[in-house]
Amino acid sequence: MKHFEGIIYGYPRPNGSICYVGQVQSLNLGKRHKNHLTDNLGIDKYLRSLEAPPEPIELMRIVNVARKDLIDDLSYWETVLMFKHHTLITWFPNDGGFNRSIPQSTDHSVLGSIGGPIGGRTNAINKTGVCGRSPEKMSADGRKYGRIGGRACVKNKTGLFGMTAEQKIAACRKGGFIAGPIAGRKAVECGRIQALGHRMAEINRKNNTGIFAPGMAAKGGKIQGPIQGRKNRENGQMAALGKKYGDVYGRIQGPITGRHNVESGHLARICTFETRAKGGRKSGRQNVENGQLARLRTPEHQAAAGHIGGSISIRKHKENGTGLFAPGIAASRGAKGGHLRWHVSRGIIKSTCPLCCSAK
């Protein structure tokens, strides 16, 4: 299989340190050295100024099956060695190096991918660049250069101000997916969400807006009430609350619900003869089983119940023509009463009285 080779070389100083790093996409390092002695680069002039120019030394040999990959690898490692030996003038101006630029530096994406990790590690180690600034300094710089960049974007119609409406929506959506969960978690942890909630609640309560708007509570209850009620019934929440607070809730809410049912006509709609009879039988059986009826059976209670029951019974018999008010009952009882008073009590037998005749 065909493959490609390249060499990364360096020129040493008299003290042995490297002052220049270069690459050659072949193994002919001697030819490359001859070119340095005739060209006009900084390293070339430096070599010619010496009585005995040093020979280049091989720092690294790279082999790859594709020429493009070989070029990329050579550029990457040449840059790494530039930073290692401090030969890049723009980064190390006082170290006597002769490299003026990074390989393939016209491609900014390549430049960033190569130099970024190297510069970042250097800054982190030496506490320089962004790693040497305080949080306050970084905030101040961010505001300063943010305003400068913002004005430039507005003027040149670039960045956010050069995007179409569709591009802005897509960018916002992408940013929301990435930063939304992070910002939301931070807002909850620092209490900002709770503070905003309390603030909005106070504003809505004061202005009668939002959930405090007239009719909004009733509307929300009609929509959410059946849904939440069904969920509470299915997950057992309603049954648990009934066991724990049933008696207290009944004493408080019972009269309120009863009055509302009477005023709204709901009780009249469901109060038929059949439902009342069924409810009476059920209540009576429950009162017997739980001892309520036994507790109520005092002499006073029974006397009062007798008066009430007697009055009701007489009224119904009179309305229906039954009992004492049945046809003929009143006359027969009146004749017998008169016979007992006027005849029997006085010891008189009258021939015209049927009861006196029947007693013989």
Protein backbone atom coordinates (compact mmCIF):
# COMPACT_ATOMS: atom_id res chain seq x y z
CA MET A 1 0.00 0.00 0.00
CA LYS A 2 1.30 3.41 -0.94
CA HIS A 3 2.07 5.75 1.91
CA PHE A 4 3.42 9.25 2.45
CA GLU A 5 6.13 10.36 4.89
CA GLY A 6 7.16 13.69 6.32
CA ILE A 7 9.66 15.09 8.82
CA ILE A 8 9.35 17.82 11.41
CA TYR A 9 12.79 19.30 12.03
CA GLY A 10 14.33 22.00 14.18
CA TYR A 11 17.41 24.23 14.15
CA PRO A 12 19.36 24.23 17.40
CA ARG A 13 21.07 27.21 19.01
CA PRO A 14 24.63 26.96 20.27
CA ASN A 15 23.25 26.19 23.75
CA GLY A 16 21.24 23.28 22.35
CA SER A 17 17.73 24.83 22.51
CA ILE A 18 15.55 24.91 19.40
CA CYS A 19 15.07 28.29 17.70
CA TYR A 20 13.05 27.23 14.67
CA VAL A 21 10.62 24.37 13.84
CA GLY A 22 9.78 23.42 10.27
CA GLN A 23 8.41 20.53 8.19
CA VAL A 24 9.26 18.82 4.93
CA GLN A 25 6.90 16.50 3.06
CA SER A 26 9.69 14.10 2.10
CA LEU A 27 12.71 12.52 3.67
CA ASN A 28 15.23 14.82 1.92
CA LEU A 29 16.15 17.01 4.87
CA GLY A 30 19.48 18.01 3.30
CA LYS A 31 17.78 19.68 0.33
CA ARG A 32 15.55 21.60 2.70
CA HIS A 33 18.63 22.81 4.60
CA LYS A 34 20.18 24.16 1.38
CA ASN A 35 17.01 26.14 0.66
CA HIS A 36 17.21 27.75 4.10
CA LEU A 37 20.72 28.97 3.36
CA THR A 38 19.52 30.85 0.26
CA ASP A 39 16.01 32.06 1.15
CA ASN A 40 15.11 35.29 2.96
CA LEU A 41 13.17 34.10 6.00
CA GLY A 42 14.25 35.13 9.45
CA ILE A 43 15.77 31.77 10.16
CA ASP A 44 17.60 31.88 6.79
CA LYS A 45 19.28 35.18 7.59
CA TYR A 46 20.15 33.91 11.04
CA LEU A 47 21.81 30.80 9.62
CA ARG A 48 23.85 32.79 7.12
CA SER A 49 25.07 35.08 9.88
CA LEU A 50 26.80 32.15 11.57
CA GLU A 51 30.28 31.01 10.60
CA ALA A 52 29.23 27.37 10.88
CA PRO A 53 25.44 27.07 10.39
CA PRO A 54 24.05 24.10 12.34
CA GLU A 55 22.47 21.17 10.56
CA PRO A 56 18.73 20.65 11.16
CA ILE A 57 17.84 17.82 13.52
CA GLU A 58 14.86 15.50 13.07
CA LEU A 59 12.25 16.06 15.81
CA MET A 60 9.49 13.77 14.54
CA ARG A 61 8.74 11.51 11.57
CA ILE A 62 5.11 11.03 10.44
CA VAL A 63 3.70 8.41 8.05
CA ASN A 64 0.19 8.40 6.58
CA VAL A 65 -1.64 6.69 3.72
CA ALA A 66 -3.25 9.93 2.47
CA ARG A 67 -1.36 13.08 1.50
CA LYS A 68 -4.04 15.39 2.91
CA ASP A 69 -3.98 13.58 6.25
CA LEU A 70 -0.19 13.77 6.24
CA ILE A 71 -0.31 17.55 5.73
CA ASP A 72 -2.79 17.94 8.57
CA ASP A 73 -0.69 15.79 10.91
CA LEU A 74 2.50 17.67 10.04
CA SER A 75 0.81 21.02 10.65
CA TYR A 76 -0.62 19.87 13.95
CA TRP A 77 2.61 18.50 15.38
CA GLU A 78 4.68 21.39 13.99
CA THR A 79 2.42 23.76 15.92
CA VAL A 80 2.69 21.67 19.07
CA LEU A 81 6.49 21.72 18.88
CA MET A 82 6.49 25.50 18.24
CA PHE A 83 4.74 26.00 21.56
CA LYS A 84 6.85 23.40 23.27
CA HIS A 85 10.14 25.08 22.28
CA HIS A 86 8.77 28.67 22.41
CA THR A 87 9.73 29.43 18.79
CA LEU A 88 6.48 31.24 17.81
CA ILE A 89 7.30 34.96 17.87
CA THR A 90 3.69 36.16 18.29
CA TRP A 91 3.32 34.13 21.49
CA PHE A 92 6.87 34.19 22.82
CA PRO A 93 8.37 37.49 21.56
CA ASN A 94 11.26 37.49 24.04
CA ASP A 95 12.46 33.90 23.60
CA GLY A 96 14.42 34.38 20.35
CA GLY A 97 12.34 32.12 18.10
CA PHE A 98 12.04 32.49 14.32
CA ASN A 99 8.60 31.01 13.55
CA ARG A 100 6.30 33.86 12.52
CA SER A 101 3.01 32.01 11.90
CA ILE A 102 1.21 28.74 12.49
CA PRO A 103 0.99 26.25 9.60
CA GLN A 104 -2.24 26.63 7.57
CA SER A 105 -2.98 29.76 9.59
CA THR A 106 -5.07 31.19 6.71
CA ASP A 107 -7.72 28.64 7.67
CA HIS A 108 -9.11 30.07 10.88
CA SER A 109 -10.94 26.88 11.82
CA VAL A 110 -7.69 24.91 11.58
CA LEU A 111 -5.85 27.64 13.47
CA GLY A 112 -8.38 27.53 16.29
CA SER A 113 -8.47 23.73 16.54
CA ILE A 114 -4.66 23.58 16.70
CA GLY A 115 -3.82 26.59 18.82
CA GLY A 116 -6.86 26.61 21.09
CA PRO A 117 -6.05 23.54 23.22
CA ILE A 118 -2.37 24.52 23.39
CA GLY A 119 -3.05 28.11 24.39
CA GLY A 120 -5.75 27.03 26.81
CA ARG A 121 -3.40 24.65 28.65
CA THR A 122 -0.70 27.33 28.73
CA ASN A 123 -3.10 29.91 30.18
CA ALA A 124 -4.37 27.46 32.77
CA ILE A 125 -0.83 26.59 33.89
CA ASN A 126 0.55 30.14 33.92
CA LYS A 127 -2.68 31.85 35.07
CA THR A 128 -2.61 34.11 32.05
CA GLY A 129 -5.24 35.22 29.56
CA VAL A 130 -8.78 34.42 30.61
CA CYS A 131 -7.47 32.13 33.37
CA GLY A 132 -5.71 35.09 35.00
CA ARG A 133 -8.76 37.34 35.28
CA SER A 134 -11.09 37.66 38.24
CA PRO A 135 -14.84 37.10 37.84
CA GLU A 136 -15.41 40.84 38.18
CA LYS A 137 -12.87 41.57 35.45
CA MET A 138 -14.43 39.00 33.13
CA SER A 139 -17.91 40.47 33.73
CA ALA A 140 -16.66 43.98 33.02
CA ASP A 141 -14.84 42.88 29.87
CA GLY A 142 -17.88 40.96 28.72
CA ARG A 143 -20.10 44.02 29.03
CA LYS A 144 -17.52 46.28 27.37
CA TYR A 145 -16.78 44.11 24.36
CA GLY A 146 -20.36 42.94 24.13
CA ARG A 147 -21.49 46.52 23.53
CA ILE A 148 -18.70 47.03 20.98
CA GLY A 149 -19.58 43.85 19.15
CA GLY A 150 -23.29 44.62 19.31
CA ARG A 151 -22.87 48.03 17.72
CA ALA A 152 -20.69 46.52 14.99
CA CYS A 153 -23.33 43.85 14.27
CA VAL A 154 -26.06 46.48 14.03
CA LYS A 155 -23.94 48.64 11.73
CA ASN A 156 -22.79 45.81 9.43
CA LYS A 157 -26.01 43.77 9.57
CA THR A 158 -24.14 40.72 10.82
CA GLY A 159 -24.70 38.19 13.56
CA LEU A 160 -28.18 38.37 15.03
CA PHE A 161 -28.99 41.46 12.96
CA GLY A 162 -28.14 39.68 9.72
CA MET A 163 -30.46 36.73 10.32
CA THR A 164 -33.90 36.22 8.86
CA ALA A 165 -36.94 35.64 11.07
CA GLU A 166 -36.78 31.90 10.39
CA GLN A 167 -33.10 31.76 11.30
CA LYS A 168 -33.75 33.64 14.55
CA ILE A 169 -36.52 31.22 15.49
CA ALA A 170 -34.31 28.22 14.73
CA ALA A 171 -31.42 29.72 16.72
CA CYS A 172 -33.68 30.49 19.70
CA ARG A 173 -35.13 27.01 19.62
CA LYS A 174 -31.66 25.45 19.54
CA GLY A 175 -30.46 27.69 22.36
CA GLY A 176 -33.52 26.87 24.42
CA PHE A 177 -33.00 23.13 24.07
CA ILE A 178 -29.37 23.47 25.16
CA ALA A 179 -29.46 26.20 27.80
CA GLY A 180 -33.10 25.95 28.97
CA PRO A 181 -32.71 22.97 31.36
CA ILE A 182 -29.44 24.38 32.75
CA ALA A 183 -30.86 27.87 33.36
CA GLY A 184 -34.08 26.44 34.78
CA ARG A 185 -32.24 24.25 37.28
CA LYS A 186 -30.05 27.15 38.36
CA ALA A 187 -33.10 29.41 38.77
CA VAL A 188 -34.82 26.84 40.98
CA GLU A 189 -31.73 26.20 43.08
CA CYS A 190 -31.11 29.91 43.77
CA GLY A 191 -34.80 30.59 44.55
CA ARG A 192 -35.38 32.93 41.61
CA ILE A 193 -38.35 30.96 40.28
CA GLN A 194 -40.10 31.03 43.66
CA ALA A 195 -39.45 34.76 44.04
CA LEU A 196 -40.88 35.48 40.59
CA GLY A 197 -43.91 33.36 41.36
CA HIS A 198 -44.66 35.26 44.59
CA ARG A 199 -44.13 38.59 42.84
CA MET A 200 -46.47 37.76 39.96
CA ALA A 201 -49.08 36.45 42.38
CA GLU A 202 -49.03 39.73 44.31
CA ILE A 203 -49.31 41.76 41.10
CA ASN A 204 -52.23 39.65 39.81
CA ARG A 205 -53.99 39.77 43.18
CA LYS A 206 -53.63 43.56 43.32
CA ASN A 207 -54.81 44.14 39.74
CA ASN A 208 -57.42 41.34 39.62
CA THR A 209 -55.62 39.73 36.68
CA GLY A 210 -54.43 36.23 35.85
CA ILE A 211 -56.00 33.61 38.09
CA PHE A 212 -57.48 36.39 40.25
CA ALA A 213 -59.54 37.83 37.38
CA PRO A 214 -63.34 37.74 37.93
CA GLY A 215 -64.71 34.34 36.99
CA MET A 216 -61.28 32.81 36.42
CA ALA A 217 -61.39 30.67 39.56
CA ALA A 218 -64.80 29.25 38.63
CA LYS A 219 -63.64 28.58 35.08
CA GLY A 220 -60.50 26.85 36.31
CA GLY A 221 -62.50 24.80 38.79
CA LYS A 222 -64.95 23.63 36.13
CA ILE A 223 -62.11 22.54 33.87
CA GLN A 224 -59.62 21.16 36.36
CA GLY A 225 -62.00 19.98 39.10
CA PRO A 226 -63.38 16.87 37.32
CA ILE A 227 -59.91 15.94 36.07
CA GLN A 228 -58.26 16.24 39.48
CA GLY A 229 -61.21 14.61 41.23
CA ARG A 230 -60.99 11.57 38.95
CA LYS A 231 -57.25 11.31 39.56
CA ASN A 232 -57.72 11.56 43.34
CA ARG A 233 -60.34 8.84 43.24
CA GLU A 234 -58.21 6.52 41.10
CA ASN A 235 -55.01 6.90 43.14
CA GLY A 236 -56.77 6.54 46.51
CA GLN A 237 -56.15 10.11 47.65
CA MET A 238 -59.86 10.81 48.13
CA ALA A 239 -60.38 7.69 50.25
CA ALA A 240 -57.38 8.51 52.44
CA LEU A 241 -58.58 12.07 53.03
CA GLY A 242 -62.08 10.82 53.78
CA LYS A 243 -60.81 8.49 56.51
CA LYS A 244 -58.63 11.18 58.04
CA TYR A 245 -60.82 14.29 57.78
CA GLY A 246 -64.28 12.91 56.95
CA ASP A 247 -65.98 13.86 60.25
CA VAL A 248 -64.48 17.36 60.37
CA TYR A 249 -65.21 18.03 56.71
CA GLY A 250 -68.80 16.78 57.09
CA ARG A 251 -69.55 19.08 60.02
CA ILE A 252 -68.12 22.10 58.17
CA GLN A 253 -69.14 21.45 54.60
CA GLY A 254 -72.42 19.62 55.19
CA PRO A 255 -74.57 22.66 56.06
CA ILE A 256 -72.96 24.69 53.27
CA THR A 257 -73.61 22.02 50.64
CA GLY A 258 -77.13 21.38 51.94
CA ARG A 259 -78.09 25.05 51.72
CA HIS A 260 -76.61 25.28 48.23
CA ASN A 261 -78.59 22.19 47.12
CA VAL A 262 -81.83 23.70 48.43
CA GLU A 263 -81.22 27.12 46.83
CA SER A 264 -80.15 25.69 43.48
CA GLY A 265 -83.16 23.32 43.30
CA HIS A 266 -80.98 20.23 43.19
CA LEU A 267 -82.63 18.77 46.29
CA ALA A 268 -86.14 19.28 44.83
CA ARG A 269 -85.12 17.48 41.62
CA ILE A 270 -83.86 14.38 43.42
CA CYS A 271 -86.42 14.41 46.26
CA THR A 272 -89.09 12.02 44.91
CA PHE A 273 -91.28 9.66 46.93
CA GLU A 274 -89.09 6.70 45.99
CA THR A 275 -85.81 8.41 46.92
CA ARG A 276 -87.22 9.63 50.23
CA ALA A 277 -88.54 6.20 51.11
CA LYS A 278 -85.23 4.59 50.18
CA GLY A 279 -83.27 7.21 52.13
CA GLY A 280 -85.53 6.81 55.17
CA ARG A 281 -85.12 3.04 55.26
CA LYS A 282 -81.36 3.31 54.83
CA SER A 283 -81.03 6.00 57.53
CA GLY A 284 -83.27 4.10 59.92
CA ARG A 285 -81.24 0.91 59.53
CA GLN A 286 -77.98 2.82 60.03
CA ASN A 287 -79.36 4.57 63.14
CA VAL A 288 -80.32 1.22 64.65
CA GLU A 289 -76.96 -0.39 63.81
CA ASN A 290 -74.77 2.44 65.11
CA GLY A 291 -76.84 2.96 68.30
CA GLN A 292 -78.07 6.42 67.37
CA LEU A 293 -81.73 5.43 67.83
CA ALA A 294 -81.05 3.87 71.25
CA ARG A 295 -79.30 7.03 72.41
CA LEU A 296 -82.29 9.16 71.34
CA ARG A 297 -84.96 7.00 73.07
CA THR A 298 -85.42 8.99 76.28
CA PRO A 299 -88.87 9.49 77.87
CA GLU A 300 -88.93 13.11 76.80
CA HIS A 301 -87.92 12.26 73.25
CA GLN A 302 -90.53 9.49 72.97
CA ALA A 303 -93.28 11.77 74.36
CA ALA A 304 -92.42 14.48 71.87
CA ALA A 305 -92.26 11.91 69.06
CA GLY A 306 -95.68 10.56 70.12
CA HIS A 307 -97.28 14.01 69.94
CA ILE A 308 -95.74 14.65 66.54
CA GLY A 309 -96.61 11.21 65.20
CA GLY A 310 -100.18 11.41 66.55
CA SER A 311 -100.78 14.77 64.91
CA ILE A 312 -99.42 13.51 61.60
CA SER A 313 -101.49 10.30 61.81
CA ILE A 314 -104.73 12.13 62.58
CA ARG A 315 -104.13 14.56 59.70
CA LYS A 316 -103.50 11.74 57.23
CA HIS A 317 -106.50 9.67 58.41
CA LYS A 318 -108.71 12.74 58.12
CA GLU A 319 -107.41 13.49 54.61
CA ASN A 320 -107.81 9.89 53.46
CA GLY A 321 -111.07 9.05 55.32
CA THR A 322 -109.52 6.14 57.20
CA GLY A 323 -109.19 5.07 60.84
CA LEU A 324 -111.48 7.03 63.12
CA PHE A 325 -112.62 9.07 60.14
CA ALA A 326 -113.83 6.09 58.12
CA PRO A 327 -117.53 6.21 57.16
CA GLY A 328 -119.78 5.00 60.06
CA ILE A 329 -116.91 4.78 62.61
CA ALA A 330 -117.67 8.12 64.23
CA ALA A 331 -121.45 7.39 64.57
CA SER A 332 -120.96 3.95 66.10
CA ARG A 333 -118.38 5.20 68.56
CA GLY A 334 -120.64 8.13 69.50
CA ALA A 335 -123.65 5.84 70.17
CA LYS A 336 -121.58 3.52 72.32
CA GLY A 337 -120.17 6.43 74.30
CA GLY A 338 -123.62 7.83 74.93
CA HIS A 339 -124.96 4.41 76.00
CA LEU A 340 -122.13 3.96 78.52
CA ARG A 341 -122.62 7.44 79.96
CA TRP A 342 -126.38 7.76 80.15
CA HIS A 343 -127.56 4.17 80.56
CA VAL A 344 -124.84 1.92 81.99
CA SER A 345 -123.40 4.49 84.41
CA ARG A 346 -126.90 5.26 85.74
CA GLY A 347 -128.14 1.64 85.79
CA ILE A 348 -130.99 2.41 83.36
CA ILE A 349 -132.25 0.05 80.65
CA LYS A 350 -134.09 1.82 77.87
CA SER A 351 -136.21 -0.18 75.46
CA THR A 352 -135.46 2.18 72.57
CA CYS A 353 -131.64 1.76 72.88
CA PRO A 354 -130.31 -1.03 70.67
CA LEU A 355 -127.29 -1.49 72.93
CA CYS A 356 -129.51 -1.88 76.02
CA CYS A 357 -131.61 -4.45 74.20
CA SER A 358 -128.57 -6.39 73.01
CA ALA A 359 -127.20 -6.52 76.55
CA LYS A 360 -130.28 -8.35 77.92
